[in-house]
Amino acid sequence: MAVHDHPHRRRGFRLPPLHGAGEAPAPAEPVTAEATGTRAYVFAGLRLLTGFVFLWAFLDKTFGFGYATPSGKGWIEGGSPTRGFLSGVAVGPMESTFHDWAGAAWADWLFMLGLLGIGIALIAGVGLWLAAAGGSAMMALMWVAEWPPARHLPDGSPSMSTNPFVDYHLIYAVVLVALAAAGAGATWGLGRVWARLPFVSRNRWLL
């Protein structure tokens, strides 16, 4: 429904301005220390929860706790952390590539070291920009593997995609970047100590 201006409409009741005539609007109140502290705790909590997601994925795939990885299928028991997921890719521009990567030793090691490194960085609150870069790359590849834009699989069955673009992999990537940008490791973490180390202060990308 469009809204149009009517030149002959009578002027109705108008709310008075919140400030007097000729008086400048009141300046916005500065952010209080309490609000800043609350924001820091919120980001710290989000950092710890996100770190546990990555660290738990590493532990479950390594030892086979019976959640996403069945007992007896852990990495230390000869299971492959990538074979099941990558071999099950059924749609998308990298389908055949992912099938070739499935179960490869280098793919297993890169994936597991990525999960472990990102998890430890987030829990400890150090190297958040490295975690954001590595985690975003990992999430991008997993997004391509699931390929949300597809509505149907090659056999015509529904892909069960709930959104053609945004899925949890993109959300995790954005969260990782936000945590690094907010310096979320300074609260409930070792971020301040880490930032004072000489090699970190000389290489700010390590923050």
Protein backbone atom coordinates (compact mmCIF):
# COMPACT_ATOMS: atom_id res chain seq x y z
CA MET A 1 0.00 0.00 0.00
CA ALA A 2 1.54 3.30 -1.11
CA VAL A 3 1.41 6.45 0.96
CA HIS A 4 0.90 9.76 -0.88
CA ASP A 5 0.98 13.40 0.17
CA HIS A 6 -2.35 15.22 -0.16
CA PRO A 7 -1.90 19.01 -0.65
CA HIS A 8 -5.52 19.78 0.33
CA ARG A 9 -5.54 17.73 3.51
CA ARG A 10 -6.13 19.82 6.62
CA ARG A 11 -3.28 20.07 9.05
CA GLY A 12 -4.05 17.79 11.95
CA PHE A 13 -2.65 17.57 15.41
CA ARG A 14 1.13 17.71 15.52
CA LEU A 15 3.30 16.69 18.44
CA PRO A 16 5.37 19.57 19.83
CA PRO A 17 9.16 19.31 19.57
CA LEU A 18 10.94 17.76 22.49
CA HIS A 19 13.15 20.85 22.91
CA GLY A 20 12.24 24.51 22.95
CA ALA A 21 12.41 26.78 19.92
CA GLY A 22 15.94 27.87 19.23
CA GLU A 23 17.29 25.36 21.75
CA ALA A 24 19.76 22.81 20.46
CA PRO A 25 18.93 19.15 21.06
CA ALA A 26 20.55 17.66 24.13
CA PRO A 27 23.76 15.80 23.29
CA ALA A 28 23.68 12.03 23.48
CA GLU A 29 24.73 10.69 26.83
CA PRO A 30 28.18 9.10 26.83
CA VAL A 31 28.45 5.37 27.21
CA THR A 32 28.75 4.61 30.89
CA ALA A 33 31.40 2.45 32.45
CA GLU A 34 28.68 0.03 33.51
CA ALA A 35 27.47 -0.37 29.92
CA THR A 36 31.04 -0.87 28.73
CA GLY A 37 31.63 -3.51 31.40
CA THR A 38 28.41 -5.31 30.54
CA ARG A 39 29.36 -5.36 26.85
CA ALA A 40 32.76 -6.82 27.71
CA TYR A 41 31.19 -9.61 29.75
CA VAL A 42 28.69 -10.40 26.98
CA PHE A 43 31.46 -10.70 24.40
CA ALA A 44 33.58 -12.76 26.80
CA GLY A 45 30.71 -15.17 27.39
CA LEU A 46 30.08 -15.45 23.65
CA ARG A 47 33.79 -16.10 23.11
CA LEU A 48 33.89 -18.92 25.67
CA LEU A 49 30.75 -20.59 24.33
CA THR A 50 31.98 -20.39 20.74
CA GLY A 51 35.37 -21.72 21.78
CA PHE A 52 33.73 -24.68 23.47
CA VAL A 53 31.85 -25.47 20.25
CA PHE A 54 35.13 -25.82 18.35
CA LEU A 55 37.01 -27.53 21.16
CA TRP A 56 34.22 -30.04 21.78
CA ALA A 57 34.08 -30.87 18.07
CA PHE A 58 37.80 -31.66 18.19
CA LEU A 59 37.48 -33.82 21.32
CA ASP A 60 34.42 -35.71 20.10
CA LYS A 61 35.98 -36.46 16.71
CA THR A 62 39.25 -37.47 18.35
CA PHE A 63 37.92 -39.79 21.06
CA GLY A 64 34.48 -40.76 19.77
CA PHE A 65 32.35 -39.73 22.74
CA GLY A 66 29.20 -41.02 21.06
CA TYR A 67 27.68 -37.69 20.10
CA ALA A 68 28.43 -36.63 16.52
CA THR A 69 31.15 -39.32 16.42
CA PRO A 70 30.07 -42.86 17.40
CA SER A 71 32.06 -44.73 20.02
CA GLY A 72 34.91 -46.68 18.46
CA LYS A 73 35.04 -44.34 15.43
CA GLY A 74 37.28 -41.67 16.95
CA TRP A 75 40.34 -40.36 15.19
CA ILE A 76 42.70 -42.14 17.61
CA GLU A 77 40.89 -45.40 16.83
CA GLY A 78 41.44 -45.15 13.09
CA GLY A 79 38.36 -43.14 12.15
CA SER A 80 38.55 -40.24 9.72
CA PRO A 81 37.16 -36.87 10.84
CA THR A 82 36.50 -35.78 7.26
CA ARG A 83 35.41 -38.93 5.42
CA GLY A 84 31.82 -39.03 6.57
CA PHE A 85 31.06 -35.35 5.98
CA LEU A 86 32.96 -34.79 2.74
CA SER A 87 31.96 -38.08 1.12
CA GLY A 88 28.34 -37.19 1.82
CA VAL A 89 28.45 -33.94 -0.15
CA ALA A 90 25.76 -34.35 -2.79
CA VAL A 91 25.44 -30.93 -4.39
CA GLY A 92 27.43 -27.80 -5.12
CA PRO A 93 30.28 -26.67 -7.38
CA MET A 94 32.97 -28.52 -5.36
CA GLU A 95 31.16 -31.85 -4.92
CA SER A 96 33.78 -33.93 -6.75
CA THR A 97 36.65 -32.05 -5.10
CA PHE A 98 35.28 -32.73 -1.63
CA HIS A 99 34.85 -36.40 -2.50
CA ASP A 100 38.54 -36.51 -3.47
CA TRP A 101 39.51 -34.87 -0.17
CA ALA A 102 37.36 -37.15 2.00
CA GLY A 103 39.48 -39.26 4.32
CA ALA A 104 42.81 -37.90 3.08
CA ALA A 105 45.39 -37.72 5.87
CA TRP A 106 46.30 -34.10 5.10
CA ALA A 107 42.62 -33.08 5.17
CA ASP A 108 42.09 -34.85 8.51
CA TRP A 109 45.12 -33.16 10.07
CA LEU A 110 44.30 -29.68 8.77
CA PHE A 111 40.69 -29.96 9.89
CA MET A 112 41.51 -31.26 13.36
CA LEU A 113 44.36 -28.82 13.96
CA GLY A 114 42.04 -26.03 12.87
CA LEU A 115 39.35 -27.09 15.33
CA LEU A 116 41.88 -27.43 18.15
CA GLY A 117 43.68 -24.17 17.42
CA ILE A 118 40.49 -22.12 17.10
CA GLY A 119 39.03 -23.69 20.22
CA ILE A 120 42.12 -23.03 22.36
CA ALA A 121 42.51 -19.47 21.01
CA LEU A 122 38.92 -18.60 21.86
CA ILE A 123 38.94 -20.23 25.29
CA ALA A 124 42.24 -18.55 26.20
CA GLY A 125 41.34 -15.23 24.55
CA VAL A 126 44.54 -14.99 22.50
CA GLY A 127 45.24 -14.86 18.77
CA LEU A 128 41.63 -13.97 18.02
CA TRP A 129 42.38 -12.50 14.60
CA LEU A 130 44.18 -15.70 13.58
CA ALA A 131 41.22 -17.70 14.89
CA ALA A 132 38.83 -15.45 12.97
CA ALA A 133 40.78 -15.87 9.72
CA GLY A 134 41.20 -19.63 10.03
CA GLY A 135 37.69 -20.19 11.33
CA SER A 136 36.10 -18.08 8.61
CA ALA A 137 37.98 -20.03 5.93
CA MET A 138 36.85 -23.31 7.49
CA MET A 139 33.24 -22.14 7.76
CA ALA A 140 33.31 -20.93 4.13
CA LEU A 141 34.41 -24.36 2.92
CA MET A 142 31.75 -26.08 5.02
CA TRP A 143 29.15 -23.65 3.64
CA VAL A 144 30.16 -24.62 0.09
CA ALA A 145 30.02 -28.29 1.05
CA GLU A 146 26.42 -27.99 2.25
CA TRP A 147 25.57 -25.50 -0.54
CA PRO A 148 22.42 -23.85 0.88
CA PRO A 149 21.38 -22.26 -2.47
CA ALA A 150 20.36 -25.69 -3.81
CA ARG A 151 16.67 -26.49 -3.34
CA HIS A 152 17.00 -30.01 -4.76
CA LEU A 153 19.64 -32.71 -4.89
CA PRO A 154 20.69 -34.24 -8.23
CA ASP A 155 18.11 -37.04 -7.80
CA GLY A 156 15.33 -34.48 -7.44
CA SER A 157 14.79 -34.92 -3.71
CA PRO A 158 14.59 -31.81 -1.51
CA SER A 159 17.92 -30.58 -0.19
CA MET A 160 16.27 -29.56 3.10
CA SER A 161 18.04 -26.20 2.92
CA THR A 162 16.24 -23.70 5.15
CA ASN A 163 17.78 -20.55 3.66
CA PRO A 164 19.40 -19.93 0.26
CA PHE A 165 22.29 -17.96 1.73
CA VAL A 166 22.53 -17.59 5.51
CA ASP A 167 23.23 -20.67 7.59
CA TYR A 168 25.03 -21.36 10.83
CA HIS A 169 28.44 -21.49 9.15
CA LEU A 170 28.16 -17.85 8.10
CA ILE A 171 26.89 -16.91 11.56
CA TYR A 172 29.94 -18.55 13.17
CA ALA A 173 32.26 -16.71 10.77
CA VAL A 174 30.68 -13.35 11.63
CA VAL A 175 30.86 -14.14 15.35
CA LEU A 176 34.58 -14.95 15.09
CA VAL A 177 35.31 -11.65 13.33
CA ALA A 178 33.17 -9.73 15.82
CA LEU A 179 35.00 -11.28 18.79
CA ALA A 180 38.38 -10.33 17.33
CA ALA A 181 37.25 -6.79 16.47
CA ALA A 182 35.83 -6.30 19.97
CA GLY A 183 39.02 -7.48 21.66
CA ALA A 184 36.97 -10.05 23.52
CA GLY A 185 40.00 -11.81 24.97
CA ALA A 186 40.69 -9.06 27.51
CA THR A 187 37.83 -10.15 29.80
CA TRP A 188 37.87 -13.67 31.30
CA GLY A 189 40.87 -14.41 29.13
CA LEU A 190 44.59 -13.85 28.63
CA GLY A 191 44.16 -11.16 26.00
CA ARG A 192 45.81 -8.36 27.98
CA VAL A 193 48.83 -10.48 28.92
CA TRP A 194 49.10 -11.76 25.35
CA ALA A 195 49.00 -8.22 23.90
CA ARG A 196 51.92 -7.12 26.11
CA LEU A 197 54.26 -9.84 24.83
CA PRO A 198 57.06 -8.26 22.70
CA PHE A 199 56.53 -10.42 19.61
CA VAL A 200 52.78 -9.76 19.70
CA SER A 201 53.18 -6.00 20.17
CA ARG A 202 55.46 -5.97 17.11
CA ASN A 203 53.02 -8.07 15.06
CA ARG A 204 49.52 -6.76 15.74
CA TRP A 205 47.94 -9.38 13.49
CA LEU A 206 48.71 -11.88 16.27
CA LEU A 207 46.24 -10.20 18.64
